[in-house]
Amino acid sequence: MDPVTKKPAGLTITPGATEARLILTGIPDTVVEGDEVSTLTLLPGEGYTVAPGYSTDAITLTEKLMVSVTASPNAIAENGGVGTFTIKLSQPAPSTGLNLNISALDSDNAGGDVTNTKSENLTTQMDPVTKRPAGLTIAPGATEAKLILTGIPDTVVEGDEVSTVTLLPGAGYIVLPSQSTDGITLIDDSYAQ
């Protein structure tokens, strides 16, 4: 190993072997850095000849897609206020779209406080029991999608509540830990009705 770069600087083939393998394993991280290429080039040396046309080859390390969520504004009125959860992708969604696992909660756990009547670049899979979004499919090629919530007016005095979306782990993506969850406060304005 090269002491500075910490990469292989030379290889020793086992005596009698006619083949050897250098095995690389990707290391998961949460740094958005794009695809990278690992290249191995055989250099001329003592006791062997490098076959022409076979001296270099490469493996592309494909970065997993990173996803994050932010909410805006921080608070909306129960009486028809509109809030948006924006899901951002570090690269375009694949040609088949990207299925995201989510948890959507209301702080009172009763539901019926907001409705999801409009979205951008996504479709929503609803949980049949809780009637809340349980999954999202981001449109092919999209790098951003919006889950738009509207407050449902009522005359019940229940205090302010928080509607939260949390991105959960799944296949084909990594959740950015610092932006995995966000919430919108639903201001109870029933006293004004």
Protein backbone atom coordinates (compact mmCIF):
# COMPACT_ATOMS: atom_id res chain seq x y z
CA MET A 1 0.00 0.00 0.00
CA ASP A 2 1.12 3.54 -0.72
CA PRO A 3 1.52 5.17 2.74
CA VAL A 4 0.25 8.54 1.48
CA THR A 5 -2.70 7.63 -0.78
CA LYS A 6 -3.61 4.43 1.14
CA LYS A 7 -4.19 2.74 -2.25
CA PRO A 8 -2.48 -0.34 -3.71
CA ALA A 9 0.91 0.56 -5.16
CA GLY A 10 2.00 -3.00 -5.95
CA LEU A 11 0.61 -6.52 -6.05
CA THR A 12 2.27 -9.87 -5.40
CA ILE A 13 0.71 -12.83 -7.20
CA THR A 14 0.72 -16.09 -5.21
CA PRO A 15 3.38 -18.57 -6.46
CA GLY A 16 1.95 -20.90 -9.14
CA ALA A 17 -1.20 -18.82 -9.67
CA THR A 18 -2.29 -17.87 -13.18
CA GLU A 19 -4.96 -15.47 -12.00
CA ALA A 20 -5.43 -13.04 -9.13
CA ARG A 21 -8.27 -10.77 -8.01
CA LEU A 22 -8.23 -7.38 -6.32
CA ILE A 23 -11.67 -7.02 -4.73
CA LEU A 24 -13.12 -3.55 -4.03
CA THR A 25 -16.06 -2.93 -1.69
CA GLY A 26 -17.99 0.34 -1.72
CA ILE A 27 -18.14 2.21 1.60
CA PRO A 28 -21.56 3.78 2.31
CA ASP A 29 -21.60 7.42 3.40
CA THR A 30 -23.97 10.40 3.37
CA VAL A 31 -21.75 12.70 1.30
CA VAL A 32 -23.15 13.73 -2.08
CA GLU A 33 -20.17 13.38 -4.40
CA GLY A 34 -21.48 11.83 -7.62
CA ASP A 35 -20.35 8.65 -9.34
CA GLU A 36 -16.66 7.84 -9.08
CA VAL A 37 -14.32 5.58 -11.05
CA SER A 38 -11.69 3.25 -9.59
CA THR A 39 -9.00 2.46 -12.15
CA LEU A 40 -6.28 -0.18 -12.03
CA THR A 41 -3.34 0.18 -14.42
CA LEU A 42 -0.62 -2.46 -14.71
CA LEU A 43 2.77 -0.82 -15.15
CA PRO A 44 5.84 -2.43 -16.74
CA GLY A 45 8.10 -4.21 -14.28
CA GLU A 46 10.82 -6.80 -13.83
CA GLY A 47 10.03 -10.40 -14.77
CA TYR A 48 6.78 -9.80 -16.69
CA THR A 49 5.32 -8.04 -19.72
CA VAL A 50 1.99 -6.22 -19.71
CA ALA A 51 -0.25 -7.48 -22.54
CA PRO A 52 -1.01 -4.65 -25.01
CA GLY A 53 -4.62 -3.46 -24.75
CA TYR A 54 -5.06 -5.05 -21.31
CA SER A 55 -3.05 -2.74 -19.09
CA THR A 56 -5.95 -0.68 -17.65
CA ASP A 57 -9.54 -1.26 -16.59
CA ALA A 58 -12.01 0.54 -14.37
CA ILE A 59 -15.05 0.03 -12.15
CA THR A 60 -17.62 2.81 -11.72
CA LEU A 61 -18.85 3.31 -8.18
CA THR A 62 -22.42 4.50 -8.58
CA GLU A 63 -23.57 6.80 -5.82
CA LYS A 64 -26.90 5.97 -4.23
CA LEU A 65 -29.51 8.61 -4.50
CA MET A 66 -29.80 10.82 -1.39
CA VAL A 67 -33.24 12.12 -0.31
CA SER A 68 -34.25 14.85 2.14
CA VAL A 69 -37.45 16.57 3.26
CA THR A 70 -38.21 20.14 4.37
CA ALA A 71 -41.51 21.76 5.29
CA SER A 72 -42.72 25.28 4.48
CA PRO A 73 -44.17 27.32 6.02
CA ASN A 74 -43.64 26.27 9.63
CA ALA A 75 -47.32 26.86 10.46
CA ILE A 76 -50.65 27.05 8.59
CA ALA A 77 -54.22 27.90 9.58
CA GLU A 78 -56.60 25.01 10.18
CA ASN A 79 -59.16 26.91 8.12
CA GLY A 80 -57.76 26.16 4.65
CA GLY A 81 -54.07 26.99 5.17
CA VAL A 82 -51.65 25.35 2.73
CA GLY A 83 -48.27 23.82 3.60
CA THR A 84 -45.74 21.96 1.50
CA PHE A 85 -43.33 19.13 2.24
CA THR A 86 -40.56 19.30 -0.38
CA ILE A 87 -38.64 16.10 -1.05
CA LYS A 88 -35.27 16.71 -2.74
CA LEU A 89 -33.17 14.11 -4.57
CA SER A 90 -29.41 14.36 -5.09
CA GLN A 91 -29.83 13.13 -8.66
CA PRO A 92 -32.79 12.54 -11.01
CA ALA A 93 -35.18 9.71 -10.10
CA PRO A 94 -34.65 6.57 -12.21
CA SER A 95 -36.71 5.92 -15.36
CA THR A 96 -39.09 3.75 -13.32
CA GLY A 97 -39.57 6.44 -10.66
CA LEU A 98 -38.41 6.23 -7.06
CA ASN A 99 -40.53 4.62 -4.34
CA LEU A 100 -39.99 6.23 -0.93
CA ASN A 101 -41.12 4.82 2.40
CA ILE A 102 -42.50 7.51 4.70
CA SER A 103 -44.28 7.99 7.98
CA ALA A 104 -46.90 10.75 8.04
CA LEU A 105 -48.25 11.60 11.50
CA ASP A 106 -50.50 14.10 13.24
CA SER A 107 -49.55 14.95 16.81
CA ASP A 108 -53.03 14.05 18.09
CA ASN A 109 -53.04 10.76 16.11
CA ALA A 110 -56.70 11.32 15.22
CA GLY A 111 -56.25 12.37 11.59
CA GLY A 112 -58.78 14.43 9.68
CA ASP A 113 -56.89 17.70 10.21
CA VAL A 114 -55.31 18.05 6.76
CA THR A 115 -55.98 16.77 3.28
CA ASN A 116 -53.55 15.94 0.47
CA THR A 117 -55.46 17.11 -2.61
CA LYS A 118 -52.53 18.23 -4.74
CA SER A 119 -48.94 17.13 -5.29
CA GLU A 120 -46.11 17.82 -7.73
CA ASN A 121 -43.92 15.12 -9.32
CA LEU A 122 -45.25 12.37 -7.05
CA THR A 123 -48.06 9.96 -6.41
CA THR A 124 -49.11 8.99 -2.90
CA GLN A 125 -49.82 5.53 -1.53
CA MET A 126 -52.34 5.83 1.30
CA ASP A 127 -52.45 3.54 4.33
CA PRO A 128 -55.98 2.06 4.29
CA VAL A 129 -56.19 2.04 8.10
CA THR A 130 -54.72 5.41 9.09
CA LYS A 131 -55.78 7.21 5.85
CA ARG A 132 -52.36 8.90 5.82
CA PRO A 133 -49.60 8.70 3.20
CA ALA A 134 -47.48 5.57 3.72
CA GLY A 135 -45.35 5.85 0.61
CA LEU A 136 -44.53 8.20 -2.23
CA THR A 137 -43.44 7.51 -5.80
CA ILE A 138 -41.29 10.28 -7.27
CA ALA A 139 -41.80 10.81 -11.02
CA PRO A 140 -39.06 9.56 -13.38
CA GLY A 141 -36.33 12.17 -13.90
CA ALA A 142 -37.57 14.49 -11.11
CA THR A 143 -35.08 15.91 -8.61
CA GLU A 144 -37.75 17.49 -6.42
CA ALA A 145 -41.32 16.62 -5.45
CA LYS A 146 -43.93 18.33 -3.30
CA LEU A 147 -46.55 16.84 -0.98
CA ILE A 148 -49.07 19.65 -0.49
CA LEU A 149 -51.36 19.67 2.55
CA THR A 150 -54.42 21.83 3.15
CA GLY A 151 -55.91 22.41 6.61
CA ILE A 152 -59.47 21.12 7.08
CA PRO A 153 -61.72 23.65 8.84
CA ASP A 154 -63.78 22.48 11.81
CA THR A 155 -65.37 23.91 14.92
CA VAL A 156 -63.67 21.55 17.37
CA VAL A 157 -61.40 23.25 19.90
CA GLU A 158 -58.41 20.89 19.93
CA GLY A 159 -55.38 23.17 20.15
CA ASP A 160 -52.53 23.44 17.70
CA GLU A 161 -51.29 20.20 16.12
CA VAL A 162 -48.24 19.21 14.12
CA SER A 163 -48.32 17.29 10.85
CA THR A 164 -44.99 15.48 10.33
CA VAL A 165 -43.41 13.63 7.40
CA THR A 166 -40.45 11.33 8.09
CA LEU A 167 -38.48 9.65 5.30
CA LEU A 168 -37.76 6.00 6.11
CA PRO A 169 -35.00 3.76 4.67
CA GLY A 170 -35.73 1.88 1.46
CA ALA A 171 -34.26 0.35 -1.68
CA GLY A 172 -32.43 2.58 -4.13
CA TYR A 173 -31.86 5.60 -1.88
CA ILE A 174 -30.27 6.85 1.33
CA VAL A 175 -32.03 9.31 3.65
CA LEU A 176 -29.96 12.38 4.56
CA PRO A 177 -29.92 12.11 8.40
CA SER A 178 -29.99 15.87 9.04
CA GLN A 179 -33.13 16.31 6.89
CA SER A 180 -35.04 13.07 7.40
CA THR A 181 -38.08 14.62 9.09
CA ASP A 182 -39.92 17.95 9.29
CA GLY A 183 -43.28 19.23 10.43
CA ILE A 184 -45.92 21.90 9.90
CA THR A 185 -47.93 23.25 12.84
CA LEU A 186 -51.67 23.41 12.19
CA ILE A 187 -53.01 26.48 14.07
CA ASP A 188 -56.37 25.75 15.67
CA ASP A 189 -58.57 28.67 14.65
CA SER A 190 -61.89 27.07 15.65
CA TYR A 191 -62.43 29.90 18.14
CA ALA A 192 -62.80 32.31 15.21
CA GLN A 193 -65.73 30.42 13.65
